């Protein structure tokens, strides 16, 4: 007997006991919701830990550092003096 055939035999039995005015998610719905909540909490904790390790200091641009004179650092060197 296939699972779908077994379910078709059980559906009429469940329909007799089912109160259409009182349908709730039940224990399984609560467990799924609780598992999702714990998963989201764990992901946020991990994200905060990883964001704390990020170094936001920028390294100097190598093109700009090569173009500046070594002794001047922003001051214009006067030629001929």
PDB file of N, CA and C in Angstrom:
ATOM      1  N   UNK A   1       0.845  -1.178   0.000  1.00  0.00           N
ATOM      2  CA  UNK A   1       0.000   0.000   0.000  1.00  0.00           C
ATOM      3  C   UNK A   1       0.894   1.246   0.000  1.00  0.00           C
ATOM      4  N   UNK A   2       0.577   2.169  -0.850  1.00  0.00           N
ATOM      5  CA  UNK A   2       1.351   3.401  -0.944  1.00  0.00           C
ATOM      6  C   UNK A   2       0.951   4.383   0.157  1.00  0.00           C
ATOM      7  N   UNK A   3       1.848   5.346   0.429  1.00  0.00           N
ATOM      8  CA  UNK A   3       1.581   6.322   1.488  1.00  0.00           C
ATOM      9  C   UNK A   3       0.398   7.210   1.113  1.00  0.00           C
ATOM     10  N   UNK A   4       0.261   7.535  -0.162  1.00  0.00           N
ATOM     11  CA  UNK A   4      -0.865   8.394  -0.564  1.00  0.00           C
ATOM     12  C   UNK A   4      -2.198   7.672  -0.377  1.00  0.00           C
ATOM     13  N   UNK A   5      -2.209   6.367  -0.621  1.00  0.00           N
ATOM     14  CA  UNK A   5      -3.439   5.617  -0.407  1.00  0.00           C
ATOM     15  C   UNK A   5      -3.781   5.536   1.071  1.00  0.00           C
ATOM     16  N   UNK A   6      -2.759   5.407   1.908  1.00  0.00           N
ATOM     17  CA  UNK A   6      -2.990   5.360   3.350  1.00  0.00           C
ATOM     18  C   UNK A   6      -3.546   6.691   3.840  1.00  0.00           C
ATOM     19  N   UNK A   7      -3.014   7.781   3.296  1.00  0.00           N
ATOM     20  CA  UNK A   7      -3.501   9.098   3.708  1.00  0.00           C
ATOM     21  C   UNK A   7      -4.933   9.335   3.245  1.00  0.00           C
ATOM     22  N   UNK A   8      -5.279   8.850   2.068  1.00  0.00           N
ATOM     23  CA  UNK A   8      -6.658   9.045   1.600  1.00  0.00           C
ATOM     24  C   UNK A   8      -7.650   8.288   2.475  1.00  0.00           C
ATOM     25  N   UNK A   9      -7.207   7.192   3.082  1.00  0.00           N
ATOM     26  CA  UNK A   9      -8.093   6.460   3.992  1.00  0.00           C
ATOM     27  C   UNK A   9      -8.202   7.153   5.348  1.00  0.00           C
ATOM     28  N   UNK A  10      -7.153   7.906   5.747  1.00  0.00           N
ATOM     29  CA  UNK A  10      -7.158   8.563   7.054  1.00  0.00           C
ATOM     30  C   UNK A  10      -7.816   9.938   7.021  1.00  0.00           C
ATOM     31  N   UNK A  11      -7.884  10.572   5.860  1.00  0.00           N
ATOM     32  CA  UNK A  11      -8.446  11.927   5.767  1.00  0.00           C
ATOM     33  C   UNK A  11      -9.906  11.973   6.198  1.00  0.00           C
ATOM     34  N   UNK A  12     -10.756  11.050   5.789  1.00  0.00           N
ATOM     35  CA  UNK A  12     -12.151  11.114   6.280  1.00  0.00           C
ATOM     36  C   UNK A  12     -12.262  10.940   7.789  1.00  0.00           C
ATOM     37  N   UNK A  13     -11.365  10.148   8.383  1.00  0.00           N
ATOM     38  CA  UNK A  13     -11.397   9.979   9.837  1.00  0.00           C
ATOM     39  C   UNK A  13     -10.992  11.274  10.538  1.00  0.00           C
ATOM     40  N   UNK A  14     -10.013  11.958   9.994  1.00  0.00           N
ATOM     41  CA  UNK A  14      -9.561  13.216  10.593  1.00  0.00           C
ATOM     42  C   UNK A  14     -10.594  14.313  10.393  1.00  0.00           C
ATOM     43  N   UNK A  15     -11.307  14.285   9.297  1.00  0.00           N
ATOM     44  CA  UNK A  15     -12.297  15.324   9.019  1.00  0.00           C
ATOM     45  C   UNK A  15     -13.451  15.262  10.012  1.00  0.00           C
ATOM     46  N   UNK A  16     -13.754  14.082  10.503  1.00  0.00           N
ATOM     47  CA  UNK A  16     -14.843  13.967  11.470  1.00  0.00           C
ATOM     48  C   UNK A  16     -14.452  14.569  12.816  1.00  0.00           C
ATOM     49  N   UNK A  17     -13.178  14.452  13.193  1.00  0.00           N
ATOM     50  CA  UNK A  17     -12.720  14.950  14.482  1.00  0.00           C
ATOM     51  C   UNK A  17     -12.286  16.407  14.437  1.00  0.00           C
ATOM     52  N   UNK A  18     -12.100  16.974  13.264  1.00  0.00           N
ATOM     53  CA  UNK A  18     -11.572  18.320  13.114  1.00  0.00           C
ATOM     54  C   UNK A  18     -12.659  19.360  13.367  1.00  0.00           C
ATOM     55  N   UNK A  19     -12.396  20.256  14.302  1.00  0.00           N
ATOM     56  CA  UNK A  19     -13.295  21.371  14.556  1.00  0.00           C
ATOM     57  C   UNK A  19     -12.824  22.543  13.700  1.00  0.00           C
ATOM     58  N   UNK A  20     -13.607  22.929  12.713  1.00  0.00           N
ATOM     59  CA  UNK A  20     -13.186  23.957  11.760  1.00  0.00           C
ATOM     60  C   UNK A  20     -13.054  25.335  12.406  1.00  0.00           C
ATOM     61  N   UNK A  21     -13.641  25.540  13.567  1.00  0.00           N
ATOM     62  CA  UNK A  21     -13.536  26.819  14.256  1.00  0.00           C
ATOM     63  C   UNK A  21     -12.326  26.885  15.192  1.00  0.00           C
ATOM     64  N   UNK A  22     -11.632  25.780  15.381  1.00  0.00           N
ATOM     65  CA  UNK A  22     -10.510  25.747  16.308  1.00  0.00           C
ATOM     66  C   UNK A  22      -9.330  25.005  15.672  1.00  0.00           C
ATOM     67  N   UNK A  23      -8.694  25.650  14.733  1.00  0.00           N
ATOM     68  CA  UNK A  23      -7.525  25.075  14.074  1.00  0.00           C
ATOM     69  C   UNK A  23      -6.298  25.862  14.545  1.00  0.00           C
ATOM     70  N   UNK A  24      -5.328  25.164  15.135  1.00  0.00           N
ATOM     71  CA  UNK A  24      -4.117  25.794  15.648  1.00  0.00           C
ATOM     72  C   UNK A  24      -2.893  25.095  15.059  1.00  0.00           C
ATOM     73  N   UNK A  25      -1.731  25.773  15.079  1.00  0.00           N
ATOM     74  CA  UNK A  25      -0.536  25.132  14.548  1.00  0.00           C
ATOM     75  C   UNK A  25      -0.043  23.966  15.400  1.00  0.00           C
ATOM     76  N   UNK A  26      -0.328  23.971  16.678  1.00  0.00           N
ATOM     77  CA  UNK A  26       0.028  22.852  17.534  1.00  0.00           C
ATOM     78  C   UNK A  26       1.477  22.854  17.961  1.00  0.00           C
ATOM     79  N   UNK A  27       1.900  21.734  18.509  1.00  0.00           N
ATOM     80  CA  UNK A  27       3.247  21.593  19.044  1.00  0.00           C
ATOM     81  C   UNK A  27       4.275  21.624  17.919  1.00  0.00           C
ATOM     82  N   UNK A  28       3.994  21.003  16.796  1.00  0.00           N
ATOM     83  CA  UNK A  28       4.936  20.984  15.679  1.00  0.00           C
ATOM     84  C   UNK A  28       5.190  22.400  15.164  1.00  0.00           C
ATOM     85  N   UNK A  29       4.151  23.197  15.058  1.00  0.00           N
ATOM     86  CA  UNK A  29       4.320  24.585  14.625  1.00  0.00           C
ATOM     87  C   UNK A  29       5.174  25.380  15.600  1.00  0.00           C
ATOM     88  N   UNK A  30       4.965  25.159  16.891  1.00  0.00           N
ATOM     89  CA  UNK A  30       5.779  25.843  17.900  1.00  0.00           C
ATOM     90  C   UNK A  30       7.234  25.418  17.811  1.00  0.00           C
ATOM     91  N   UNK A  31       7.485  24.126  17.630  1.00  0.00           N
ATOM     92  CA  UNK A  31       8.863  23.639  17.538  1.00  0.00           C
ATOM     93  C   UNK A  31       9.584  24.194  16.312  1.00  0.00           C
ATOM     94  N   UNK A  32       8.884  24.265  15.197  1.00  0.00           N
ATOM     95  CA  UNK A  32       9.485  24.841  13.979  1.00  0.00           C
ATOM     96  C   UNK A  32       9.789  26.316  14.197  1.00  0.00           C
ATOM     97  N   UNK A  33       8.857  27.042  14.788  1.00  0.00           N
ATOM     98  CA  UNK A  33       9.071  28.469  15.051  1.00  0.00           C
ATOM     99  C   UNK A  33      10.228  28.677  16.037  1.00  0.00           C
ATOM    100  N   UNK A  34      10.301  27.862  17.072  1.00  0.00           N
ATOM    101  CA  UNK A  34      11.383  27.970  18.050  1.00  0.00           C
ATOM    102  C   UNK A  34      12.731  27.649  17.403  1.00  0.00           C
ATOM    103  N   UNK A  35      12.775  26.644  16.528  1.00  0.00           N
ATOM    104  CA  UNK A  35      14.024  26.300  15.842  1.00  0.00           C
ATOM    105  C   UNK A  35      14.470  27.443  14.936  1.00  0.00           C
ATOM    106  N   UNK A  36      13.537  28.073  14.238  1.00  0.00           N
ATOM    107  CA  UNK A  36      13.881  29.224  13.393  1.00  0.00           C
ATOM    108  C   UNK A  36      14.392  30.388  14.238  1.00  0.00           C
ATOM    109  N   UNK A  37      13.765  30.624  15.384  1.00  0.00           N
ATOM    110  CA  UNK A  37      14.196  31.718  16.250  1.00  0.00           C
ATOM    111  C   UNK A  37      15.605  31.472  16.785  1.00  0.00           C
ATOM    112  N   UNK A  38      15.902  30.246  17.185  1.00  0.00           N
ATOM    113  CA  UNK A  38      17.245  29.914  17.683  1.00  0.00           C
ATOM    114  C   UNK A  38      18.261  30.044  16.552  1.00  0.00           C
ATOM    115  N   UNK A  39      17.902  29.639  15.342  1.00  0.00           N
ATOM    116  CA  UNK A  39      18.800  29.772  14.203  1.00  0.00           C
ATOM    117  C   UNK A  39      19.109  31.217  13.875  1.00  0.00           C
ATOM    118  N   UNK A  40      18.097  32.076  13.899  1.00  0.00           N
ATOM    119  CA  UNK A  40      18.311  33.504  13.627  1.00  0.00           C
ATOM    120  C   UNK A  40      19.177  34.125  14.715  1.00  0.00           C
ATOM    121  N   UNK A  41      18.937  33.754  15.970  1.00  0.00           N
ATOM    122  CA  UNK A  41      19.751  34.277  17.074  1.00  0.00           C
ATOM    123  C   UNK A  41      21.214  33.866  16.899  1.00  0.00           C
ATOM    124  N   UNK A  42      21.462  32.611  16.533  1.00  0.00           N
ATOM    125  CA  UNK A  42      22.837  32.128  16.345  1.00  0.00           C
ATOM    126  C   UNK A  42      23.509  32.847  15.173  1.00  0.00           C
ATOM    127  N   UNK A  43      22.778  33.075  14.091  1.00  0.00           N
ATOM    128  CA  UNK A  43      23.343  33.789  12.946  1.00  0.00           C
ATOM    129  C   UNK A  43      23.678  35.236  13.297  1.00  0.00           C
ATOM    130  N   UNK A  44      22.825  35.901  14.060  1.00  0.00           N
ATOM    131  CA  UNK A  44      23.095  37.287  14.441  1.00  0.00           C
ATOM    132  C   UNK A  44      24.294  37.362  15.386  1.00  0.00           C
ATOM    133  N   UNK A  45      24.423  36.409  16.302  1.00  0.00           N
ATOM    134  CA  UNK A  45      25.565  36.391  17.205  1.00  0.00           C
ATOM    135  C   UNK A  45      26.861  36.183  16.421  1.00  0.00           C
ATOM    136  N   UNK A  46      26.833  35.291  15.455  1.00  0.00           N
ATOM    137  CA  UNK A  46      28.006  35.040  14.624  1.00  0.00           C
ATOM    138  C   UNK A  46      28.347  36.266  13.784  1.00  0.00           C
ATOM    139  N   UNK A  47      27.324  36.928  13.233  1.00  0.00           N
ATOM    140  CA  UNK A  47      27.560  38.126  12.425  1.00  0.00           C
ATOM    141  C   UNK A  47      28.191  39.230  13.269  1.00  0.00           C
ATOM    142  N   UNK A  48      27.712  39.435  14.483  1.00  0.00           N
ATOM    143  CA  UNK A  48      28.289  40.453  15.354  1.00  0.00           C
ATOM    144  C   UNK A  48      29.739  40.140  15.685  1.00  0.00           C
ATOM    145  N   UNK A  49      30.046  38.877  15.901  1.00  0.00           N
ATOM    146  CA  UNK A  49      31.421  38.480  16.187  1.00  0.00           C
ATOM    147  C   UNK A  49      32.317  38.752  14.979  1.00  0.00           C
ATOM    148  N   UNK A  50      31.845  38.439  13.780  1.00  0.00           N
ATOM    149  CA  UNK A  50      32.637  38.673  12.575  1.00  0.00           C
ATOM    150  C   UNK A  50      32.776  40.166  12.269  1.00  0.00           C
ATOM    151  N   UNK A  51      31.740  40.933  12.507  1.00  0.00           N
ATOM    152  CA  UNK A  51      31.824  42.376  12.250  1.00  0.00           C
ATOM    153  C   UNK A  51      32.789  43.045  13.225  1.00  0.00           C
ATOM    154  N   UNK A  52      32.947  42.500  14.419  1.00  0.00           N
ATOM    155  CA  UNK A  52      33.898  43.041  15.379  1.00  0.00           C
ATOM    156  C   UNK A  52      35.341  42.818  14.950  1.00  0.00           C
ATOM    157  N   UNK A  53      35.572  41.827  14.125  1.00  0.00           N
ATOM    158  CA  UNK A  53      36.926  41.518  13.667  1.00  0.00           C
ATOM    159  C   UNK A  53      37.319  42.306  12.420  1.00  0.00           C
ATOM    160  N   UNK A  54      36.398  43.021  11.811  1.00  0.00           N
ATOM    161  CA  UNK A  54      36.690  43.750  10.583  1.00  0.00           C
ATOM    162  C   UNK A  54      37.523  44.982  10.909  1.00  0.00           C
ATOM    163  N   UNK A  55      38.575  45.202  10.130  1.00  0.00           N
ATOM    164  CA  UNK A  55      39.447  46.354  10.292  1.00  0.00           C
ATOM    165  C   UNK A  55      39.032  47.394   9.250  1.00  0.00           C
ATOM    166  N   UNK A  56      38.528  48.534   9.717  1.00  0.00           N
ATOM    167  CA  UNK A  56      38.019  49.541   8.803  1.00  0.00           C
ATOM    168  C   UNK A  56      39.066  50.580   8.399  1.00  0.00           C
ATOM    169  N   UNK A  57      40.310  50.451   8.862  1.00  0.00           N
ATOM    170  CA  UNK A  57      41.349  51.398   8.482  1.00  0.00           C
ATOM    171  C   UNK A  57      41.770  51.124   7.046  1.00  0.00           C
ATOM    172  N   UNK A  58      41.752  52.190   6.237  1.00  0.00           N
ATOM    173  CA  UNK A  58      42.115  52.019   4.843  1.00  0.00           C
ATOM    174  C   UNK A  58      43.618  52.129   4.680  1.00  0.00           C
ATOM    175  N   UNK A  59      44.162  51.295   3.845  1.00  0.00           N
ATOM    176  CA  UNK A  59      45.580  51.383   3.518  1.00  0.00           C
ATOM    177  C   UNK A  59      45.766  52.523   2.520  1.00  0.00           C
ATOM    178  N   UNK A  60      46.910  53.206   2.548  1.00  0.00           N
ATOM    179  CA  UNK A  60      47.127  54.280   1.581  1.00  0.00           C
ATOM    180  C   UNK A  60      47.151  53.724   0.163  1.00  0.00           C
ATOM    181  N   UNK A  61      46.661  54.544  -0.755  1.00  0.00           N
ATOM    182  CA  UNK A  61      46.606  54.150  -2.155  1.00  0.00           C
ATOM    183  C   UNK A  61      48.029  54.068  -2.702  1.00  0.00           C
ATOM    184  N   UNK A  62      48.456  52.954  -3.276  1.00  0.00           N
ATOM    185  CA  UNK A  62      49.830  52.839  -3.752  1.00  0.00           C
ATOM    186  C   UNK A  62      50.151  53.803  -4.900  1.00  0.00           C
ATOM    187  N   UNK A  63      49.173  54.157  -5.728  1.00  0.00           N
ATOM    188  CA  UNK A  63      49.426  55.095  -6.829  1.00  0.00           C
ATOM    189  C   UNK A  63      49.705  56.498  -6.291  1.00  0.00           C
ATOM    190  N   UNK A  64      48.959  56.921  -5.266  1.00  0.00           N
ATOM    191  CA  UNK A  64      49.149  58.244  -4.687  1.00  0.00           C
ATOM    192  C   UNK A  64      50.466  58.309  -3.917  1.00  0.00           C
ATOM    193  N   UNK A  65      50.823  57.251  -3.216  1.00  0.00           N
ATOM    194  CA  UNK A  65      52.053  57.232  -2.440  1.00  0.00           C
ATOM    195  C   UNK A  65      53.273  57.274  -3.358  1.00  0.00           C
ATOM    196  N   UNK A  66      53.209  56.659  -4.526  1.00  0.00           N
ATOM    197  CA  UNK A  66      54.337  56.660  -5.453  1.00  0.00           C
ATOM    198  C   UNK A  66      54.488  58.013  -6.133  1.00  0.00           C
ATOM    199  N   UNK A  67      53.400  58.756  -6.312  1.00  0.00           N
ATOM    200  CA  UNK A  67      53.457  60.043  -7.006  1.00  0.00           C
ATOM    201  C   UNK A  67      54.003  61.145  -6.110  1.00  0.00           C
ATOM    202  N   UNK A  68      53.857  61.047  -4.782  1.00  0.00           N
ATOM    203  CA  UNK A  68      54.348  62.086  -3.875  1.00  0.00           C
ATOM    204  C   UNK A  68      55.860  61.982  -3.724  1.00  0.00           C
ATOM    205  N   UNK A  69      56.579  63.138  -3.625  1.00  0.00           N
ATOM    206  CA  UNK A  69      58.027  63.076  -3.375  1.00  0.00           C
ATOM    207  C   UNK A  69      58.303  62.523  -1.990  1.00  0.00           C
ATOM    208  N   UNK A  70      59.403  61.830  -1.829  1.00  0.00           N
ATOM    209  CA  UNK A  70      59.719  61.144  -0.585  1.00  0.00           C
ATOM    210  C   UNK A  70      59.958  62.119   0.565  1.00  0.00           C
ATOM    211  N   UNK A  71      60.615  63.250   0.319  1.00  0.00           N
ATOM    212  CA  UNK A  71      60.931  64.177   1.399  1.00  0.00           C
ATOM    213  C   UNK A  71      59.884  65.219   1.624  1.00  0.00           C
ATOM    214  N   UNK A  72      59.016  65.518   0.646  1.00  0.00           N
ATOM    215  CA  UNK A  72      58.092  66.626   0.734  1.00  0.00           C
ATOM    216  C   UNK A  72      56.852  66.336   1.533  1.00  0.00           C
ATOM    217  N   UNK A  73      56.225  65.254   1.296  1.00  0.00           N
ATOM    218  CA  UNK A  73      54.954  64.884   1.925  1.00  0.00           C
ATOM    219  C   UNK A  73      53.941  66.003   1.864  1.00  0.00           C
ATOM    220  N   UNK A  74      53.585  66.414   0.674  1.00  0.00           N
ATOM    221  CA  UNK A  74      52.537  67.408   0.515  1.00  0.00           C
ATOM    222  C   UNK A  74      53.063  68.803   0.262  1.00  0.00           C
ATOM    223  N   UNK A  75      54.305  69.118   0.551  1.00  0.00           N
ATOM    224  CA  UNK A  75      54.870  70.442   0.307  1.00  0.00           C
ATOM    225  C   UNK A  75      55.518  70.462  -1.073  1.00  0.00           C
ATOM    226  N   UNK A  76      55.362  71.550  -1.771  1.00  0.00           N
ATOM    227  CA  UNK A  76      55.969  71.665  -3.085  1.00  0.00           C
ATOM    228  C   UNK A  76      57.443  71.982  -2.948  1.00  0.00           C
ATOM    229  N   UNK A  77      58.271  71.220  -3.619  1.00  0.00           N
ATOM    230  CA  UNK A  77      59.712  71.465  -3.559  1.00  0.00           C
ATOM    231  C   UNK A  77      60.052  72.631  -4.471  1.00  0.00           C
ATOM    232  N   UNK A  78      60.825  73.561  -3.974  1.00  0.00           N
ATOM    233  CA  UNK A  78      61.180  74.735  -4.786  1.00  0.00           C
ATOM    234  C   UNK A  78      62.403  74.415  -5.626  1.00  0.00           C
ATOM    235  N   UNK A  79      62.275  74.449  -6.945  1.00  0.00           N
ATOM    236  CA  UNK A  79      63.409  74.140  -7.808  1.00  0.00           C
ATOM    237  C   UNK A  79      64.421  75.275  -7.819  1.00  0.00           C
ATOM    238  N   UNK A  80      65.699  74.954  -7.830  1.00  0.00           N
ATOM    239  CA  UNK A  80      66.755  75.941  -7.958  1.00  0.00           C
ATOM    240  C   UNK A  80      67.230  76.539  -6.660  1.00  0.00           C
ATOM    241  N   UNK A  81      66.702  76.255  -5.583  1.00  0.00           N
ATOM    242  CA  UNK A  81      67.147  76.850  -4.328  1.00  0.00           C
ATOM    243  C   UNK A  81      67.958  75.900  -3.535  1.00  0.00           C
TER     244      UNK A  81
END
